[in-house]
Each structure stands twice: as structure tokens, then as C-alpha cells.
């Protein structure tokens, strides 16, 4: 068993899940900015919101896999 950030014991599998969840969370903002900046024409606010909503849905699905909501 490994001690987590709060001093609680967790399995290597649980630690790996925590690491994936943290990576996904940090990367979401970067992905959104990359998509927004890669456009040849500026996105409308509506288009940006639709992309942000879809990114959030995909992130939620990934969190379900690692059981972190």
C-alpha cells in the first residue's frame, strides 16, 4: 500500500487512477485553449460554448472510468 497526499493508504491502482484524474483535469484547459487558438477564423461564443460542453462531457466519461467525479 502507498500513502496518498492526505496520508491515507491506497493501492497502486488507486494511485494511478488519481494521477490520471489529475492529468485529465489539468489538460482540459490546455486542450480548450489549443482548439480555440487553432481556428483560422475566430469562433463565436456559441461555438466555443459547444466545444467546452463537449470537452466536459468527454472528461466526465473519463472520470467515470477512474471513478473520480
N, C-alpha and C. Protein backbone atom coordinates (compact mmCIF):
# COMPACT_ATOMS: atom_id res chain seq x y z
N UNK A 1 0.83 -1.18 0.00
CA UNK A 1 0.00 0.00 0.00
C UNK A 1 0.88 1.25 0.00
N UNK A 2 0.35 2.28 -0.59
CA UNK A 2 1.05 3.56 -0.72
C UNK A 2 0.26 4.61 0.03
N UNK A 3 0.95 5.54 0.66
CA UNK A 3 0.25 6.63 1.32
C UNK A 3 -0.08 7.70 0.28
N UNK A 4 -1.33 8.19 0.32
CA UNK A 4 -1.73 9.24 -0.62
C UNK A 4 -1.34 10.60 -0.07
N UNK A 5 -1.82 11.64 -0.72
CA UNK A 5 -1.45 13.00 -0.36
C UNK A 5 -1.97 13.41 1.02
N UNK A 6 -3.02 12.75 1.49
CA UNK A 6 -3.59 13.04 2.80
C UNK A 6 -3.08 12.09 3.87
N UNK A 7 -2.16 11.22 3.51
CA UNK A 7 -1.61 10.27 4.47
C UNK A 7 -2.41 8.98 4.57
N UNK A 8 -3.48 8.84 3.78
CA UNK A 8 -4.27 7.61 3.79
C UNK A 8 -3.60 6.59 2.88
N UNK A 9 -3.79 5.33 3.22
CA UNK A 9 -3.21 4.26 2.40
C UNK A 9 -4.08 4.02 1.17
N UNK A 10 -3.43 3.74 0.05
CA UNK A 10 -4.14 3.39 -1.18
C UNK A 10 -3.30 2.42 -1.98
N UNK A 11 -3.98 1.68 -2.84
CA UNK A 11 -3.30 0.69 -3.68
C UNK A 11 -2.61 1.40 -4.85
N UNK A 12 -1.65 0.72 -5.48
CA UNK A 12 -1.03 1.30 -6.67
C UNK A 12 -2.07 1.64 -7.75
N UNK A 13 -3.11 0.80 -7.87
CA UNK A 13 -4.15 1.05 -8.86
C UNK A 13 -4.88 2.36 -8.55
N UNK A 14 -5.22 2.56 -7.28
CA UNK A 14 -5.90 3.79 -6.88
C UNK A 14 -5.01 5.01 -7.11
N UNK A 15 -3.71 4.88 -6.82
CA UNK A 15 -2.78 5.99 -7.06
C UNK A 15 -2.74 6.33 -8.54
N UNK A 16 -2.69 5.30 -9.38
CA UNK A 16 -2.68 5.51 -10.83
C UNK A 16 -3.96 6.22 -11.28
N UNK A 17 -5.09 5.83 -10.73
CA UNK A 17 -6.36 6.49 -11.07
C UNK A 17 -6.33 7.96 -10.67
N UNK A 18 -5.79 8.26 -9.49
CA UNK A 18 -5.67 9.64 -9.05
C UNK A 18 -4.80 10.45 -10.01
N UNK A 19 -3.71 9.84 -10.44
CA UNK A 19 -2.79 10.53 -11.34
C UNK A 19 -3.44 10.81 -12.69
N UNK A 20 -4.21 9.85 -13.21
CA UNK A 20 -4.92 10.05 -14.47
C UNK A 20 -5.95 11.17 -14.32
N UNK A 21 -6.69 11.16 -13.22
CA UNK A 21 -7.69 12.20 -13.00
C UNK A 21 -7.05 13.58 -12.92
N UNK A 22 -5.92 13.70 -12.24
CA UNK A 22 -5.23 14.99 -12.14
C UNK A 22 -4.73 15.44 -13.52
N UNK A 23 -4.20 14.50 -14.28
CA UNK A 23 -3.69 14.83 -15.61
C UNK A 23 -4.82 15.29 -16.52
N UNK A 24 -5.95 14.60 -16.47
CA UNK A 24 -7.09 14.99 -17.29
C UNK A 24 -7.58 16.38 -16.92
N UNK A 25 -7.66 16.64 -15.65
CA UNK A 25 -8.15 17.92 -15.19
C UNK A 25 -7.24 19.06 -15.65
N UNK A 26 -5.95 18.87 -15.53
CA UNK A 26 -5.02 19.91 -15.94
C UNK A 26 -4.96 20.09 -17.44
N UNK A 27 -5.14 19.04 -18.16
CA UNK A 27 -5.03 19.09 -19.62
C UNK A 27 -6.27 19.67 -20.28
N UNK A 28 -7.42 19.61 -19.64
CA UNK A 28 -8.66 20.09 -20.25
C UNK A 28 -8.56 21.56 -20.64
N UNK A 29 -8.04 22.38 -19.76
CA UNK A 29 -7.92 23.81 -20.04
C UNK A 29 -6.97 24.03 -21.22
N UNK A 30 -5.86 23.31 -21.23
CA UNK A 30 -4.90 23.43 -22.32
C UNK A 30 -5.52 23.02 -23.66
N UNK A 31 -6.28 21.93 -23.66
CA UNK A 31 -6.92 21.47 -24.89
C UNK A 31 -7.90 22.51 -25.42
N UNK A 32 -8.68 23.06 -24.53
CA UNK A 32 -9.67 24.06 -24.94
C UNK A 32 -8.96 25.27 -25.56
N UNK A 33 -7.90 25.73 -24.94
CA UNK A 33 -7.16 26.87 -25.47
C UNK A 33 -6.52 26.55 -26.82
N UNK A 34 -5.99 25.33 -26.97
CA UNK A 34 -5.39 24.92 -28.23
C UNK A 34 -6.43 24.92 -29.34
N UNK A 35 -7.61 24.38 -29.05
CA UNK A 35 -8.67 24.33 -30.06
C UNK A 35 -9.10 25.74 -30.45
N UNK A 36 -9.27 26.58 -29.45
CA UNK A 36 -9.71 27.96 -29.71
C UNK A 36 -8.65 28.72 -30.51
N UNK A 37 -7.39 28.54 -30.19
CA UNK A 37 -6.31 29.26 -30.87
C UNK A 37 -6.01 28.71 -32.25
N UNK A 38 -6.37 27.46 -32.52
CA UNK A 38 -6.03 26.84 -33.80
C UNK A 38 -6.99 27.20 -34.92
N UNK A 39 -8.03 27.89 -34.60
CA UNK A 39 -9.03 28.26 -35.61
C UNK A 39 -8.48 29.36 -36.52
N UNK A 40 -8.72 29.23 -37.83
CA UNK A 40 -8.30 30.28 -38.76
C UNK A 40 -9.23 31.48 -38.66
N UNK A 41 -10.48 31.23 -38.35
CA UNK A 41 -11.44 32.30 -38.12
C UNK A 41 -11.84 32.28 -36.65
N UNK A 42 -12.07 33.43 -36.07
CA UNK A 42 -12.49 33.44 -34.66
C UNK A 42 -13.79 32.67 -34.46
N UNK A 43 -13.87 31.97 -33.36
CA UNK A 43 -15.08 31.24 -33.01
C UNK A 43 -16.09 32.19 -32.41
N UNK A 44 -17.35 31.88 -32.65
CA UNK A 44 -18.38 32.64 -31.95
C UNK A 44 -18.43 32.14 -30.51
N UNK A 45 -19.04 32.92 -29.65
CA UNK A 45 -19.19 32.49 -28.26
C UNK A 45 -20.00 31.21 -28.19
N UNK A 46 -20.99 31.07 -29.06
CA UNK A 46 -21.82 29.86 -29.09
C UNK A 46 -20.99 28.64 -29.45
N UNK A 47 -20.15 28.77 -30.49
CA UNK A 47 -19.29 27.65 -30.90
C UNK A 47 -18.32 27.27 -29.79
N UNK A 48 -17.73 28.27 -29.15
CA UNK A 48 -16.81 28.00 -28.06
C UNK A 48 -17.52 27.27 -26.92
N UNK A 49 -18.74 27.68 -26.61
CA UNK A 49 -19.51 27.05 -25.54
C UNK A 49 -19.84 25.60 -25.90
N UNK A 50 -20.20 25.34 -27.16
CA UNK A 50 -20.49 23.97 -27.59
C UNK A 50 -19.27 23.07 -27.45
N UNK A 51 -18.11 23.58 -27.84
CA UNK A 51 -16.89 22.79 -27.71
C UNK A 51 -16.58 22.55 -26.23
N UNK A 52 -16.71 23.58 -25.43
CA UNK A 52 -16.46 23.43 -24.00
C UNK A 52 -17.39 22.40 -23.38
N UNK A 53 -18.66 22.41 -23.77
CA UNK A 53 -19.63 21.43 -23.27
C UNK A 53 -19.24 20.01 -23.66
N UNK A 54 -18.80 19.83 -24.90
CA UNK A 54 -18.41 18.50 -25.35
C UNK A 54 -17.15 18.02 -24.64
N UNK A 55 -16.19 18.92 -24.43
CA UNK A 55 -14.99 18.56 -23.67
C UNK A 55 -15.36 18.12 -22.26
N UNK A 56 -16.29 18.84 -21.64
CA UNK A 56 -16.70 18.48 -20.29
C UNK A 56 -17.38 17.11 -20.26
N UNK A 57 -18.21 16.83 -21.25
CA UNK A 57 -18.87 15.52 -21.32
C UNK A 57 -17.85 14.40 -21.46
N UNK A 58 -16.87 14.60 -22.32
CA UNK A 58 -15.83 13.59 -22.50
C UNK A 58 -15.00 13.42 -21.24
N UNK A 59 -14.68 14.53 -20.59
CA UNK A 59 -13.94 14.46 -19.34
C UNK A 59 -14.73 13.71 -18.28
N UNK A 60 -16.03 13.97 -18.20
CA UNK A 60 -16.88 13.26 -17.24
C UNK A 60 -16.87 11.76 -17.48
N UNK A 61 -16.89 11.36 -18.75
CA UNK A 61 -16.82 9.93 -19.07
C UNK A 61 -15.50 9.33 -18.61
N UNK A 62 -14.43 10.06 -18.84
CA UNK A 62 -13.11 9.57 -18.41
C UNK A 62 -13.05 9.46 -16.90
N UNK A 63 -13.61 10.45 -16.19
CA UNK A 63 -13.63 10.39 -14.73
C UNK A 63 -14.42 9.19 -14.23
N UNK A 64 -15.48 8.84 -14.93
CA UNK A 64 -16.26 7.66 -14.52
C UNK A 64 -15.39 6.41 -14.60
N UNK A 65 -14.52 6.36 -15.59
CA UNK A 65 -13.64 5.19 -15.74
C UNK A 65 -12.71 5.09 -14.53
N UNK A 66 -12.22 6.23 -14.08
CA UNK A 66 -11.31 6.22 -12.93
C UNK A 66 -12.06 6.52 -11.62
N UNK A 67 -13.37 6.52 -11.70
CA UNK A 67 -14.25 6.72 -10.53
C UNK A 67 -13.91 7.97 -9.75
N UNK A 68 -13.75 9.06 -10.46
CA UNK A 68 -13.48 10.35 -9.81
C UNK A 68 -14.42 11.39 -10.38
N UNK A 69 -15.50 11.69 -9.73
CA UNK A 69 -16.46 12.71 -10.21
C UNK A 69 -16.37 13.94 -9.37
